[in-house]
Amino acid sequence: MEAGGIERIKGSILSTYKAQASTILKEAQKRAEEIKKVAKEIAKKEEKKILAEAEEKAKSVFSQRTAQARLESRSLLLQAKNELIEKALEEGAKNFLKWKSKNKNDYKNWIKKKIASSTEHAKSPKIILIFSSSDKGLSAAFKSYGKIEFSDDMKGGVIVKFPEKKKIFDYSLEQILRQIRKNDMIEISKMLFGG
């Protein structure tokens, strides 16, 4: 075969394959566009899903943070109220101590009433009276009742002990304040803050 014939055959084969390659390339581009289109749709759906999940999570986090902030706010308010109540009780204790130092006879009578109330309940001949160390001068008036002791842990009032009956009636200022804290906090809170 001559050289020109080979070239013609080559050209014929090349043109056939070029046409086929062009068709295959066009088909591949068409498929690539379809795949891109499907991928974009899937990506949009995923994006919407992710955004919805993120929005839901953000709402949840916001709700949690809001609830936590409310709880912290209530806690701080309660703490502030408790501090004010404690200050009111401290002021009441100071007023009691001022009253006891200015009104010694009234204070003695108050102690006598507390001792009388205790002896009615215990009905025991032996009693021990415990006074604050600051009330040593006052205690002489009560020697006829029984044994007298003093405590540095008390600021005022009296503790009445009946050793035979194993009973104690505590009218110390500290016990009175403990009782108020235990039993009357709600009422004090209402008086101070309303509600």
Protein backbone atom coordinates (compact mmCIF):
# COMPACT_ATOMS: atom_id res chain seq x y z
CA MET A 1 0.00 0.00 0.00
CA GLU A 2 1.18 3.28 -0.76
CA ALA A 3 1.88 6.02 1.68
CA GLY A 4 -1.11 8.05 0.65
CA GLY A 5 -3.43 5.10 1.20
CA ILE A 6 -2.18 4.61 4.71
CA GLU A 7 -2.70 8.23 5.43
CA ARG A 8 -6.25 8.02 4.15
CA ILE A 9 -7.00 4.99 6.30
CA LYS A 10 -5.46 6.75 9.29
CA GLY A 11 -7.49 9.85 8.54
CA SER A 12 -10.67 7.80 8.18
CA ILE A 13 -10.02 6.00 11.47
CA LEU A 14 -9.13 9.28 13.17
CA SER A 15 -12.23 11.05 11.92
CA THR A 16 -14.44 8.12 13.03
CA TYR A 17 -12.85 8.10 16.47
CA LYS A 18 -12.97 11.90 16.70
CA ALA A 19 -16.68 11.81 16.00
CA GLN A 20 -17.15 9.03 18.55
CA ALA A 21 -14.90 10.82 21.04
CA SER A 22 -16.88 14.03 20.51
CA THR A 23 -20.15 12.14 21.09
CA ILE A 24 -18.73 10.40 24.18
CA LEU A 25 -17.37 13.72 25.46
CA LYS A 26 -20.74 15.45 24.93
CA GLU A 27 -22.48 12.52 26.66
CA ALA A 28 -19.99 12.69 29.56
CA GLN A 29 -20.50 16.46 29.91
CA LYS A 30 -24.27 15.94 29.86
CA ARG A 31 -23.96 13.25 32.58
CA ALA A 32 -21.60 15.47 34.56
CA GLU A 33 -24.15 18.30 34.43
CA GLU A 34 -26.90 15.92 35.60
CA ILE A 35 -24.68 14.67 38.42
CA LYS A 36 -23.85 18.27 39.40
CA LYS A 37 -27.56 19.13 39.38
CA VAL A 38 -28.42 16.11 41.57
CA ALA A 39 -25.46 16.90 43.84
CA LYS A 40 -26.63 20.51 44.21
CA GLU A 41 -30.14 19.33 45.12
CA ILE A 42 -28.72 16.89 47.67
CA ALA A 43 -26.42 19.62 49.02
CA LYS A 44 -29.39 22.04 49.33
CA LYS A 45 -31.42 19.40 51.18
CA GLU A 46 -28.45 18.65 53.46
CA GLU A 47 -27.89 22.38 53.97
CA LYS A 48 -31.56 22.84 54.94
CA LYS A 49 -31.38 19.85 57.25
CA ILE A 50 -28.15 21.08 58.85
CA LEU A 51 -29.57 24.60 59.22
CA ALA A 52 -32.77 23.22 60.78
CA GLU A 53 -30.73 21.09 63.20
CA ALA A 54 -28.48 24.04 64.01
CA GLU A 55 -31.52 26.27 64.58
CA GLU A 56 -33.10 23.63 66.82
CA LYS A 57 -29.85 23.24 68.74
CA ALA A 58 -29.52 27.03 69.06
CA LYS A 59 -33.09 27.22 70.42
CA SER A 60 -32.30 24.45 72.89
CA VAL A 61 -29.07 26.12 74.01
CA PHE A 62 -30.89 29.46 74.29
CA SER A 63 -33.63 27.86 76.41
CA GLN A 64 -31.05 26.18 78.63
CA ARG A 65 -29.06 29.38 79.07
CA THR A 66 -32.23 31.38 79.76
CA ALA A 67 -33.37 28.85 82.36
CA GLN A 68 -29.90 28.83 83.90
CA ALA A 69 -29.85 32.65 84.01
CA ARG A 70 -33.29 32.68 85.68
CA LEU A 71 -32.13 30.12 88.21
CA GLU A 72 -28.96 32.08 88.96
CA SER A 73 -31.00 35.27 89.24
CA ARG A 74 -33.40 33.63 91.71
CA SER A 75 -30.48 32.21 93.65
CA LEU A 76 -28.81 35.63 93.88
CA LEU A 77 -32.09 37.23 94.92
CA LEU A 78 -32.66 34.58 97.58
CA GLN A 79 -29.10 35.02 98.81
CA ALA A 80 -29.57 38.80 99.02
CA LYS A 81 -32.86 38.36 100.88
CA ASN A 82 -31.25 35.91 103.32
CA GLU A 83 -28.42 38.37 103.93
CA LEU A 84 -30.96 41.12 104.67
CA ILE A 85 -32.86 38.83 107.02
CA GLU A 86 -29.61 37.97 108.81
CA LYS A 87 -28.84 41.68 109.16
CA ALA A 88 -32.34 42.22 110.57
CA LEU A 89 -31.78 39.41 113.09
CA GLU A 90 -28.38 40.85 114.03
CA GLU A 91 -30.02 44.23 114.53
CA GLY A 92 -32.68 42.56 116.68
CA ALA A 93 -29.95 40.93 118.77
CA LYS A 94 -28.22 44.30 119.21
CA ASN A 95 -31.52 45.85 120.27
CA PHE A 96 -32.07 43.04 122.80
CA LEU A 97 -28.60 43.63 124.27
CA LYS A 98 -29.25 47.39 124.47
CA TRP A 99 -32.62 46.72 126.13
CA LYS A 100 -31.11 44.33 128.67
CA SER A 101 -28.37 46.82 129.63
CA LYS A 102 -30.76 49.80 129.90
CA ASN A 103 -33.69 47.97 131.54
CA LYS A 104 -32.10 45.68 134.10
CA ASN A 105 -35.30 45.24 136.16
CA ASP A 106 -37.37 44.39 133.10
CA TYR A 107 -34.64 41.98 132.00
CA LYS A 108 -34.61 40.33 135.47
CA ASN A 109 -38.39 39.98 135.37
CA TRP A 110 -38.21 38.45 131.88
CA ILE A 111 -35.67 35.90 133.13
CA LYS A 112 -37.83 35.15 136.20
CA LYS A 113 -40.81 34.45 133.93
CA LYS A 114 -38.71 32.08 131.81
CA ILE A 115 -37.47 30.24 134.92
CA ALA A 116 -41.02 30.03 136.33
CA SER A 117 -42.33 28.67 133.02
CA SER A 118 -39.58 26.03 132.98
CA THR A 119 -40.12 24.90 136.57
CA GLU A 120 -43.85 24.49 135.88
CA HIS A 121 -43.03 22.09 133.04
CA ALA A 122 -40.19 20.18 134.70
CA LYS A 123 -41.44 20.10 138.33
CA SER A 124 -38.00 19.33 139.72
CA PRO A 125 -36.46 20.83 142.87
CA LYS A 126 -32.88 20.89 141.57
CA ILE A 127 -32.10 23.37 138.85
CA ILE A 128 -29.00 24.85 137.27
CA LEU A 129 -29.20 28.32 135.77
CA ILE A 130 -26.69 29.26 133.10
CA PHE A 131 -26.20 32.95 132.42
CA SER A 132 -24.03 34.89 130.05
CA SER A 133 -20.68 35.83 131.57
CA SER A 134 -21.74 39.45 131.01
CA ASP A 135 -24.69 38.89 133.41
CA LYS A 136 -22.59 37.95 136.48
CA GLY A 137 -23.82 41.00 138.39
CA LEU A 138 -27.42 40.05 137.69
CA SER A 139 -27.06 36.42 138.73
CA ALA A 140 -26.93 37.19 142.48
CA ALA A 141 -30.69 37.80 142.34
CA PHE A 142 -31.21 34.18 141.26
CA LYS A 143 -28.98 32.25 143.74
CA SER A 144 -32.05 31.07 145.67
CA TYR A 145 -33.28 29.20 142.57
CA GLY A 146 -30.36 26.79 142.43
CA LYS A 147 -26.83 26.45 141.14
CA ILE A 148 -25.54 29.32 138.96
CA GLU A 149 -23.11 28.83 136.06
CA PHE A 150 -21.79 31.16 133.38
CA SER A 151 -21.06 30.77 129.70
CA ASP A 152 -18.86 32.85 127.43
CA ASP A 153 -20.82 31.47 124.47
CA MET A 154 -23.97 33.33 125.48
CA LYS A 155 -24.71 37.03 125.10
CA GLY A 156 -27.91 37.11 127.10
CA GLY A 157 -30.88 35.19 128.38
CA VAL A 158 -30.82 32.09 130.54
CA ILE A 159 -30.60 28.32 130.17
CA VAL A 160 -32.55 26.35 132.77
CA LYS A 161 -31.32 22.78 133.37
CA PHE A 162 -33.03 20.08 135.40
CA PRO A 163 -30.33 17.39 135.89
CA GLU A 164 -32.67 14.87 137.55
CA LYS A 165 -35.20 15.06 134.71
CA LYS A 166 -32.54 15.54 132.02
CA LYS A 167 -34.45 18.51 130.69
CA ILE A 168 -33.09 21.78 129.37
CA PHE A 169 -35.01 24.95 128.60
CA ASP A 170 -32.84 27.24 126.54
CA TYR A 171 -33.87 30.91 126.58
CA SER A 172 -30.49 32.22 125.53
CA LEU A 173 -30.39 34.97 122.92
CA GLU A 174 -28.58 32.58 120.58
CA GLN A 175 -31.30 29.92 120.92
CA ILE A 176 -34.04 32.50 120.43
CA LEU A 177 -32.36 33.59 117.18
CA ARG A 178 -32.00 29.93 116.07
CA GLN A 179 -35.70 29.38 116.72
CA ILE A 180 -36.62 32.50 114.78
CA ARG A 181 -34.47 31.33 111.86
CA LYS A 182 -36.04 27.89 111.99
CA ASN A 183 -39.68 28.81 112.53
CA ASP A 184 -40.25 32.38 111.42
CA MET A 185 -38.11 32.94 108.30
CA ILE A 186 -41.11 32.92 105.95
CA GLU A 187 -43.00 35.42 108.07
CA ILE A 188 -39.94 37.67 108.40
CA SER A 189 -39.42 37.44 104.66
CA LYS A 190 -43.02 38.48 104.04
CA MET A 191 -42.66 41.41 106.42
CA LEU A 192 -39.44 42.59 104.77
CA PHE A 193 -40.21 41.87 101.12
CA GLY A 194 -43.99 41.56 100.91
CA GLY A 195 -45.82 38.66 99.34
